[in-house]
Amino acid sequence: MRHGKAANRPGAELIADAQRPLTDEGRKDVAEVIDKRIASLKGLEIILTSPYLRARETARVVLERLELKGQSFSGEFLVCDELVPESNPGAVTKVLNQLNAESVLLTTHQPLIGNVLSTLVGDPQLQAIDPAWLVALETDTILPGFANLRWLQMPAA
C-alpha cells in the first residue's frame, strides 16, 4: 500500500520530508480502501512500514479499521528502513524473503512501491501507484516476474 495523501512541504527548512503527516483526506482515503477490502485482510500476519511518519500513520489507520471491523490484528507491526522512497526494490525483496509469513502488508512510498510492484509482476504499468492505493499480489516465491496481480483498490475520485 502506498501511504495516503500527506501534507505539502512549504519549505525544506520548515518540515523534513520524513516528518510529513497524513492529511485528513489521506486518512479518509486509506480508511475507505481498507474498508472495501477488509475481508481480504483477514489473517494478515505482518504489517511492515516505512519509518516515515505518513507511512506509519497509514499503517495505524489500517490497524484502526481492522479493529473497527472486528478483525483484531495479532501479528507483528514492524518498522523497516528498507521501505523509504529511495530504496532499491532488491532490498525490499530480500526483506520479504527473510520473513516467515504468507500475508504481509507494506506501507511505503513512491517511487519504491511502484518499482517493487512492477518488478515482481513484470508489468511497468504498476509503477504508477497513487496515494492510498492497495495492491494485492500472490506469489510462491519473491522473485522478479513471479507474482500475480490479484486486485488493486483505489479510493473513490
N, C-alpha and C. Protein backbone atom coordinates (compact mmCIF):
# COMPACT_ATOMS: atom_id res chain seq x y z
N MET A 1 0.84 -1.18 0.00
CA MET A 1 0.00 0.00 0.00
C MET A 1 0.89 1.24 0.00
N ARG A 2 0.51 2.16 -0.87
CA ARG A 2 1.18 3.46 -0.81
C ARG A 2 0.46 4.28 0.26
N HIS A 3 1.22 5.05 1.01
CA HIS A 3 0.63 5.89 2.06
C HIS A 3 -0.43 6.82 1.48
N GLY A 4 -1.31 7.31 2.36
CA GLY A 4 -2.31 8.28 1.94
C GLY A 4 -1.68 9.64 1.66
N LYS A 5 -2.49 10.55 1.18
CA LYS A 5 -2.01 11.90 0.87
C LYS A 5 -1.40 12.53 2.12
N ALA A 6 -0.25 13.17 1.92
CA ALA A 6 0.48 13.78 3.02
C ALA A 6 0.50 15.30 2.86
N ALA A 7 0.77 15.97 3.96
CA ALA A 7 0.87 17.43 3.95
C ALA A 7 1.99 17.86 3.02
N ASN A 8 1.77 18.97 2.32
CA ASN A 8 2.81 19.53 1.46
C ASN A 8 3.95 20.08 2.29
N ARG A 9 5.10 20.14 1.66
CA ARG A 9 6.27 20.73 2.31
C ARG A 9 6.34 22.19 1.91
N PRO A 10 5.96 23.11 2.79
CA PRO A 10 6.02 24.53 2.42
C PRO A 10 7.45 25.00 2.23
N GLY A 11 8.39 24.33 2.84
CA GLY A 11 9.80 24.67 2.70
C GLY A 11 10.61 23.63 3.43
N ALA A 12 11.71 23.23 2.83
CA ALA A 12 12.53 22.17 3.43
C ALA A 12 12.95 22.52 4.85
N GLU A 13 13.10 23.80 5.13
CA GLU A 13 13.54 24.20 6.46
C GLU A 13 12.42 24.11 7.49
N LEU A 14 11.16 24.03 7.03
CA LEU A 14 10.02 24.01 7.95
C LEU A 14 9.62 22.60 8.38
N ILE A 15 9.73 21.65 7.49
CA ILE A 15 9.33 20.28 7.83
C ILE A 15 10.13 19.30 6.97
N ALA A 16 10.77 18.37 7.63
CA ALA A 16 11.54 17.36 6.91
C ALA A 16 10.58 16.40 6.20
N ASP A 17 10.98 15.90 5.05
CA ASP A 17 10.13 15.00 4.28
C ASP A 17 9.68 13.80 5.12
N ALA A 18 10.57 13.25 5.90
CA ALA A 18 10.25 12.07 6.71
C ALA A 18 9.21 12.37 7.79
N GLN A 19 8.99 13.64 8.10
CA GLN A 19 8.06 14.01 9.17
C GLN A 19 6.73 14.56 8.66
N ARG A 20 6.49 14.48 7.35
CA ARG A 20 5.21 14.97 6.82
C ARG A 20 4.07 14.04 7.25
N PRO A 21 3.03 14.57 7.88
CA PRO A 21 1.91 13.73 8.32
C PRO A 21 0.88 13.54 7.21
N LEU A 22 -0.02 12.59 7.43
CA LEU A 22 -1.16 12.43 6.54
C LEU A 22 -2.09 13.62 6.68
N THR A 23 -2.77 13.95 5.61
CA THR A 23 -3.83 14.95 5.67
C THR A 23 -5.11 14.23 6.12
N ASP A 24 -6.15 15.00 6.46
CA ASP A 24 -7.44 14.39 6.78
C ASP A 24 -7.96 13.59 5.59
N GLU A 25 -7.79 14.14 4.39
CA GLU A 25 -8.21 13.43 3.18
C GLU A 25 -7.43 12.14 3.01
N GLY A 26 -6.14 12.18 3.31
CA GLY A 26 -5.30 10.98 3.22
C GLY A 26 -5.78 9.89 4.16
N ARG A 27 -6.12 10.26 5.40
CA ARG A 27 -6.65 9.28 6.37
C ARG A 27 -7.97 8.70 5.88
N LYS A 28 -8.84 9.56 5.36
CA LYS A 28 -10.15 9.13 4.85
C LYS A 28 -9.98 8.15 3.70
N ASP A 29 -9.08 8.47 2.78
CA ASP A 29 -8.86 7.59 1.62
C ASP A 29 -8.34 6.22 2.05
N VAL A 30 -7.40 6.20 2.98
CA VAL A 30 -6.85 4.93 3.46
C VAL A 30 -7.96 4.11 4.12
N ALA A 31 -8.76 4.75 4.98
CA ALA A 31 -9.86 4.05 5.66
C ALA A 31 -10.84 3.48 4.65
N GLU A 32 -11.18 4.26 3.62
CA GLU A 32 -12.12 3.81 2.59
C GLU A 32 -11.61 2.57 1.86
N VAL A 33 -10.35 2.60 1.47
CA VAL A 33 -9.75 1.49 0.73
C VAL A 33 -9.70 0.24 1.61
N ILE A 34 -9.29 0.40 2.84
CA ILE A 34 -9.22 -0.75 3.75
C ILE A 34 -10.62 -1.32 3.97
N ASP A 35 -11.60 -0.47 4.19
CA ASP A 35 -12.96 -0.95 4.40
C ASP A 35 -13.47 -1.75 3.21
N LYS A 36 -13.12 -1.32 2.00
CA LYS A 36 -13.58 -2.03 0.80
C LYS A 36 -12.94 -3.41 0.68
N ARG A 37 -11.75 -3.58 1.23
CA ARG A 37 -11.02 -4.85 1.09
C ARG A 37 -10.81 -5.55 2.44
N ILE A 38 -11.61 -5.21 3.43
CA ILE A 38 -11.41 -5.73 4.78
C ILE A 38 -11.40 -7.26 4.81
N ALA A 39 -12.28 -7.90 4.07
CA ALA A 39 -12.32 -9.37 4.06
C ALA A 39 -11.02 -9.97 3.54
N SER A 40 -10.38 -9.29 2.61
CA SER A 40 -9.13 -9.78 2.03
C SER A 40 -7.96 -9.67 3.01
N LEU A 41 -8.12 -8.87 4.04
CA LEU A 41 -7.04 -8.67 5.00
C LEU A 41 -7.15 -9.61 6.21
N LYS A 42 -8.14 -10.46 6.21
CA LYS A 42 -8.28 -11.43 7.29
C LYS A 42 -7.06 -12.35 7.29
N GLY A 43 -6.48 -12.56 8.44
CA GLY A 43 -5.31 -13.41 8.54
C GLY A 43 -3.99 -12.71 8.26
N LEU A 44 -4.03 -11.40 8.16
CA LEU A 44 -2.81 -10.63 7.95
C LEU A 44 -1.81 -10.93 9.08
N GLU A 45 -0.59 -11.31 8.71
CA GLU A 45 0.39 -11.73 9.70
C GLU A 45 1.37 -10.63 10.11
N ILE A 46 1.75 -9.80 9.16
CA ILE A 46 2.76 -8.77 9.42
C ILE A 46 2.36 -7.48 8.71
N ILE A 47 2.50 -6.38 9.42
CA ILE A 47 2.44 -5.05 8.79
C ILE A 47 3.84 -4.50 8.87
N LEU A 48 4.40 -4.22 7.72
CA LEU A 48 5.77 -3.73 7.58
C LEU A 48 5.67 -2.31 7.05
N THR A 49 6.19 -1.32 7.79
CA THR A 49 6.02 0.07 7.38
C THR A 49 7.35 0.81 7.31
N SER A 50 7.35 1.79 6.45
CA SER A 50 8.47 2.73 6.36
C SER A 50 8.56 3.51 7.67
N PRO A 51 9.74 3.98 8.03
CA PRO A 51 9.86 4.81 9.23
C PRO A 51 9.30 6.22 9.06
N TYR A 52 8.99 6.63 7.83
CA TYR A 52 8.46 7.97 7.59
C TYR A 52 7.08 8.10 8.24
N LEU A 53 6.80 9.25 8.80
CA LEU A 53 5.58 9.48 9.56
C LEU A 53 4.32 9.14 8.76
N ARG A 54 4.21 9.59 7.52
CA ARG A 54 2.99 9.36 6.76
C ARG A 54 2.73 7.88 6.50
N ALA A 55 3.77 7.09 6.36
CA ALA A 55 3.60 5.64 6.17
C ALA A 55 3.20 4.97 7.49
N ARG A 56 3.82 5.39 8.59
CA ARG A 56 3.44 4.83 9.90
C ARG A 56 2.00 5.19 10.23
N GLU A 57 1.58 6.42 9.91
CA GLU A 57 0.20 6.82 10.15
C GLU A 57 -0.77 6.01 9.27
N THR A 58 -0.38 5.73 8.05
CA THR A 58 -1.19 4.89 7.17
C THR A 58 -1.37 3.51 7.78
N ALA A 59 -0.28 2.93 8.28
CA ALA A 59 -0.35 1.61 8.92
C ALA A 59 -1.26 1.65 10.14
N ARG A 60 -1.22 2.74 10.89
CA ARG A 60 -2.09 2.87 12.08
C ARG A 60 -3.56 2.95 11.67
N VAL A 61 -3.85 3.64 10.57
CA VAL A 61 -5.23 3.68 10.07
C VAL A 61 -5.68 2.27 9.70
N VAL A 62 -4.80 1.50 9.07
CA VAL A 62 -5.13 0.11 8.73
C VAL A 62 -5.49 -0.65 10.01
N LEU A 63 -4.68 -0.53 11.03
CA LEU A 63 -4.95 -1.21 12.30
C LEU A 63 -6.29 -0.77 12.90
N GLU A 64 -6.56 0.53 12.87
CA GLU A 64 -7.82 1.05 13.41
C GLU A 64 -9.01 0.47 12.66
N ARG A 65 -8.93 0.40 11.34
CA ARG A 65 -10.04 -0.12 10.54
C ARG A 65 -10.24 -1.61 10.78
N LEU A 66 -9.15 -2.36 10.91
CA LEU A 66 -9.26 -3.78 11.22
C LEU A 66 -10.01 -3.98 12.53
N GLU A 67 -9.61 -3.22 13.56
CA GLU A 67 -10.25 -3.32 14.87
C GLU A 67 -11.72 -2.93 14.78
N LEU A 68 -12.00 -1.83 14.11
CA LEU A 68 -13.36 -1.33 13.98
C LEU A 68 -14.27 -2.34 13.28
N LYS A 69 -13.71 -3.08 12.34
CA LYS A 69 -14.50 -4.05 11.58
C LYS A 69 -14.43 -5.46 12.18
N GLY A 70 -13.93 -5.56 13.42
CA GLY A 70 -13.93 -6.84 14.13
C GLY A 70 -12.84 -7.81 13.73
N GLN A 71 -11.78 -7.30 13.12
CA GLN A 71 -10.66 -8.16 12.74
C GLN A 71 -9.42 -7.73 13.52
N SER A 72 -9.36 -8.10 14.76
CA SER A 72 -8.21 -7.69 15.56
C SER A 72 -6.92 -8.25 14.94
N PHE A 73 -5.91 -7.44 14.96
CA PHE A 73 -4.61 -7.80 14.38
C PHE A 73 -3.71 -8.28 15.51
N SER A 74 -3.27 -9.52 15.43
CA SER A 74 -2.40 -10.07 16.47
C SER A 74 -1.01 -10.39 15.93
N GLY A 75 -0.75 -9.93 14.71
CA GLY A 75 0.54 -10.19 14.09
C GLY A 75 1.59 -9.19 14.52
N GLU A 76 2.65 -9.13 13.76
CA GLU A 76 3.76 -8.23 14.06
C GLU A 76 3.59 -6.91 13.31
N PHE A 77 3.93 -5.83 13.98
CA PHE A 77 3.96 -4.49 13.39
C PHE A 77 5.42 -4.06 13.42
N LEU A 78 6.04 -3.96 12.24
CA LEU A 78 7.47 -3.70 12.16
C LEU A 78 7.76 -2.46 11.33
N VAL A 79 8.69 -1.65 11.80
CA VAL A 79 9.20 -0.51 11.03
C VAL A 79 10.44 -1.01 10.30
N CYS A 80 10.51 -0.72 9.01
CA CYS A 80 11.57 -1.26 8.16
C CYS A 80 12.26 -0.14 7.39
N ASP A 81 13.53 0.07 7.66
CA ASP A 81 14.31 1.13 7.00
C ASP A 81 14.41 0.94 5.49
N GLU A 82 14.23 -0.28 5.00
CA GLU A 82 14.31 -0.54 3.56
C GLU A 82 13.09 -0.05 2.80
N LEU A 83 12.06 0.47 3.49
CA LEU A 83 10.84 0.92 2.82
C LEU A 83 10.77 2.42 2.60
N VAL A 84 11.91 3.11 2.66
CA VAL A 84 11.93 4.55 2.38
C VAL A 84 11.88 4.77 0.87
N PRO A 85 11.47 5.97 0.42
CA PRO A 85 11.24 6.20 -1.01
C PRO A 85 12.39 5.84 -1.93
N GLU A 86 13.61 6.12 -1.52
CA GLU A 86 14.76 5.93 -2.42
C GLU A 86 15.38 4.54 -2.35
N SER A 87 14.77 3.62 -1.63
CA SER A 87 15.32 2.27 -1.52
C SER A 87 15.28 1.52 -2.84
N ASN A 88 16.06 0.47 -2.88
CA ASN A 88 16.15 -0.39 -4.04
C ASN A 88 15.14 -1.53 -3.89
N PRO A 89 14.38 -1.85 -4.95
CA PRO A 89 13.44 -2.96 -4.87
C PRO A 89 14.08 -4.28 -4.44
N GLY A 90 15.34 -4.48 -4.80
CA GLY A 90 16.04 -5.69 -4.39
C GLY A 90 16.17 -5.81 -2.88
N ALA A 91 16.36 -4.67 -2.21
CA ALA A 91 16.44 -4.69 -0.74
C ALA A 91 15.10 -5.09 -0.13
N VAL A 92 14.01 -4.65 -0.75
CA VAL A 92 12.68 -4.99 -0.26
C VAL A 92 12.40 -6.48 -0.46
N THR A 93 12.74 -7.00 -1.63
CA THR A 93 12.50 -8.43 -1.86
C THR A 93 13.35 -9.28 -0.92
N LYS A 94 14.54 -8.82 -0.60
CA LYS A 94 15.38 -9.54 0.37
C LYS A 94 14.70 -9.59 1.74
N VAL A 95 14.17 -8.45 2.18
CA VAL A 95 13.46 -8.40 3.47
C VAL A 95 12.26 -9.34 3.44
N LEU A 96 11.47 -9.28 2.38
CA LEU A 96 10.29 -10.14 2.27
C LEU A 96 10.66 -11.62 2.28
N ASN A 97 11.75 -11.97 1.63
CA ASN A 97 12.20 -13.36 1.62
C ASN A 97 12.65 -13.83 3.00
N GLN A 98 13.07 -12.92 3.86
CA GLN A 98 13.52 -13.29 5.20
C GLN A 98 12.37 -13.47 6.18
N LEU A 99 11.21 -12.96 5.84
CA LEU A 99 10.05 -13.08 6.72
C LEU A 99 9.45 -14.49 6.59
N ASN A 100 8.97 -14.97 7.70
CA ASN A 100 8.31 -16.27 7.68
C ASN A 100 6.81 -16.02 7.77
N ALA A 101 6.24 -15.49 6.68
CA ALA A 101 4.82 -15.13 6.69
C ALA A 101 4.24 -15.30 5.29
N GLU A 102 2.96 -15.61 5.26
CA GLU A 102 2.26 -15.75 3.98
C GLU A 102 1.48 -14.51 3.61
N SER A 103 1.18 -13.66 4.60
CA SER A 103 0.36 -12.48 4.36
C SER A 103 1.01 -11.26 5.01
N VAL A 104 1.53 -10.37 4.17
CA VAL A 104 2.28 -9.19 4.64
C VAL A 104 1.69 -7.96 3.97
N LEU A 105 1.50 -6.91 4.76
CA LEU A 105 1.08 -5.62 4.22
C LEU A 105 2.25 -4.65 4.37
N LEU A 106 2.64 -4.02 3.27
CA LEU A 106 3.67 -2.99 3.29
C LEU A 106 2.99 -1.63 3.21
N THR A 107 3.43 -0.66 3.99
CA THR A 107 3.01 0.73 3.78
C THR A 107 4.29 1.50 3.47
N THR A 108 4.32 2.07 2.27
CA THR A 108 5.55 2.68 1.80
C THR A 108 5.25 3.80 0.80
N HIS A 109 6.19 4.12 -0.05
CA HIS A 109 6.19 5.34 -0.86
C HIS A 109 6.48 5.06 -2.33
N GLN A 110 6.26 6.11 -3.12
CA GLN A 110 6.77 6.15 -4.49
C GLN A 110 8.15 6.79 -4.44
N PRO A 111 9.06 6.45 -5.29
CA PRO A 111 8.90 5.52 -6.40
C PRO A 111 9.09 4.05 -6.00
N LEU A 112 9.42 3.79 -4.73
CA LEU A 112 9.74 2.42 -4.32
C LEU A 112 8.61 1.45 -4.59
N ILE A 113 7.40 1.73 -4.13
CA ILE A 113 6.32 0.75 -4.24
C ILE A 113 6.00 0.44 -5.70
N GLY A 114 6.01 1.45 -6.55
CA GLY A 114 5.78 1.21 -7.97
C GLY A 114 6.86 0.33 -8.58
N ASN A 115 8.11 0.57 -8.20
CA ASN A 115 9.22 -0.23 -8.71
C ASN A 115 9.14 -1.67 -8.22
N VAL A 116 8.78 -1.86 -6.95
CA VAL A 116 8.66 -3.22 -6.39
C VAL A 116 7.54 -3.97 -7.10
N LEU A 117 6.37 -3.34 -7.22
CA LEU A 117 5.23 -4.00 -7.86
C LEU A 117 5.53 -4.35 -9.32
N SER A 118 6.06 -3.39 -10.06
CA SER A 118 6.32 -3.65 -11.49
C SER A 118 7.39 -4.72 -11.66
N THR A 119 8.36 -4.77 -10.76
CA THR A 119 9.41 -5.79 -10.82
C THR A 119 8.85 -7.18 -10.51
N LEU A 120 8.07 -7.29 -9.43
CA LEU A 120 7.56 -8.59 -9.02
C LEU A 120 6.55 -9.16 -10.02
N VAL A 121 5.71 -8.30 -10.58
CA VAL A 121 4.68 -8.75 -11.51
C VAL A 121 5.21 -8.78 -12.95
N GLY A 122 6.19 -7.93 -13.23
CA GLY A 122 6.70 -7.84 -14.59
C GLY A 122 5.82 -6.96 -15.47
N ASP A 123 5.21 -5.93 -14.84
CA ASP A 123 4.31 -5.04 -15.58
C ASP A 123 4.67 -3.59 -15.24
N PRO A 124 5.27 -2.86 -16.18
CA PRO A 124 5.69 -1.49 -15.92
C PRO A 124 4.53 -0.54 -15.60
N GLN A 125 3.30 -0.90 -15.96
CA GLN A 125 2.15 -0.04 -15.65
C GLN A 125 1.94 0.09 -14.14
N LEU A 126 2.41 -0.86 -13.38
CA LEU A 126 2.24 -0.82 -11.92
C LEU A 126 3.16 0.20 -11.25
N GLN A 127 4.01 0.85 -12.01
CA GLN A 127 4.86 1.89 -11.43
C GLN A 127 4.06 3.12 -11.06
N ALA A 128 2.88 3.30 -11.62
CA ALA A 128 2.08 4.50 -11.40
C ALA A 128 1.05 4.27 -10.29
N ILE A 129 1.52 4.11 -9.07
CA ILE A 129 0.65 3.87 -7.92
C ILE A 129 0.43 5.21 -7.20
N ASP A 130 -0.82 5.60 -7.07
CA ASP A 130 -1.16 6.86 -6.41
C ASP A 130 -1.35 6.67 -4.91
N PRO A 131 -1.46 7.77 -4.16
CA PRO A 131 -1.66 7.67 -2.71
C PRO A 131 -2.90 6.85 -2.34
N ALA A 132 -2.74 6.05 -1.31
CA ALA A 132 -3.79 5.21 -0.70
C ALA A 132 -4.22 4.04 -1.58
N TRP A 133 -3.48 3.71 -2.61
CA TRP A 133 -3.81 2.53 -3.41
C TRP A 133 -3.31 1.30 -2.67
N LEU A 134 -4.14 0.28 -2.66
CA LEU A 134 -3.82 -1.01 -2.04
C LEU A 134 -3.78 -2.04 -3.14
N VAL A 135 -2.68 -2.77 -3.23
CA VAL A 135 -2.49 -3.74 -4.30
C VAL A 135 -2.20 -5.10 -3.67
N ALA A 136 -2.89 -6.14 -4.15
CA ALA A 136 -2.66 -7.49 -3.65
C ALA A 136 -1.94 -8.31 -4.71
N LEU A 137 -0.82 -8.88 -4.29
CA LEU A 137 -0.07 -9.80 -5.14
C LEU A 137 -0.12 -11.18 -4.52
N GLU A 138 0.02 -12.17 -5.37
CA GLU A 138 0.10 -13.55 -4.90
C GLU A 138 1.31 -14.18 -5.56
N THR A 139 2.12 -14.85 -4.74
CA THR A 139 3.31 -15.49 -5.29
C THR A 139 3.78 -16.60 -4.36
N ASP A 140 4.40 -17.59 -4.95
CA ASP A 140 5.01 -18.66 -4.16
C ASP A 140 6.46 -18.34 -3.85
N THR A 141 7.04 -17.49 -4.67
CA THR A 141 8.43 -17.10 -4.47
C THR A 141 8.58 -15.62 -4.81
N ILE A 142 9.37 -14.93 -4.04
CA ILE A 142 9.53 -13.49 -4.23
C ILE A 142 10.73 -13.24 -5.14
N LEU A 143 10.44 -13.32 -6.42
CA LEU A 143 11.45 -13.09 -7.46
C LEU A 143 10.83 -12.24 -8.56
N PRO A 144 11.64 -11.47 -9.29
CA PRO A 144 11.11 -10.66 -10.38
C PRO A 144 10.30 -11.48 -11.37
N GLY A 145 9.09 -10.99 -11.67
CA GLY A 145 8.24 -11.63 -12.65
C GLY A 145 7.44 -12.83 -12.17
N PHE A 146 7.56 -13.20 -10.90
CA PHE A 146 6.89 -14.41 -10.41
C PHE A 146 5.59 -14.14 -9.66
N ALA A 147 5.22 -12.89 -9.48
CA ALA A 147 3.99 -12.58 -8.74
C ALA A 147 2.83 -12.34 -9.71
N ASN A 148 1.64 -12.62 -9.22
CA ASN A 148 0.42 -12.34 -9.97
C ASN A 148 -0.34 -11.23 -9.28
N LEU A 149 -0.86 -10.31 -10.07
CA LEU A 149 -1.70 -9.25 -9.54
C LEU A 149 -3.08 -9.84 -9.26
N ARG A 150 -3.52 -9.83 -8.00
CA ARG A 150 -4.85 -10.36 -7.65
C ARG A 150 -5.90 -9.26 -7.79
N TRP A 151 -5.61 -8.08 -7.24
CA TRP A 151 -6.53 -6.96 -7.35
C TRP A 151 -5.81 -5.67 -6.96
N LEU A 152 -6.44 -4.57 -7.33
CA LEU A 152 -5.94 -3.23 -7.00
C LEU A 152 -7.15 -2.43 -6.53
N GLN A 153 -7.03 -1.81 -5.36
CA GLN A 153 -8.13 -0.98 -4.82
C GLN A 153 -7.63 0.45 -4.65
N MET A 154 -8.41 1.38 -5.18
CA MET A 154 -8.07 2.79 -5.04
C MET A 154 -9.25 3.53 -4.42
N PRO A 155 -8.99 4.67 -3.79
CA PRO A 155 -10.10 5.44 -3.23
C PRO A 155 -10.97 6.00 -4.35
N ALA A 156 -12.21 6.30 -4.00
CA ALA A 156 -13.12 6.92 -4.97
C ALA A 156 -12.59 8.30 -5.33
N ALA A 157 -12.82 8.70 -6.55
CA ALA A 157 -12.33 10.00 -7.02
C ALA A 157 -13.11 11.14 -6.40
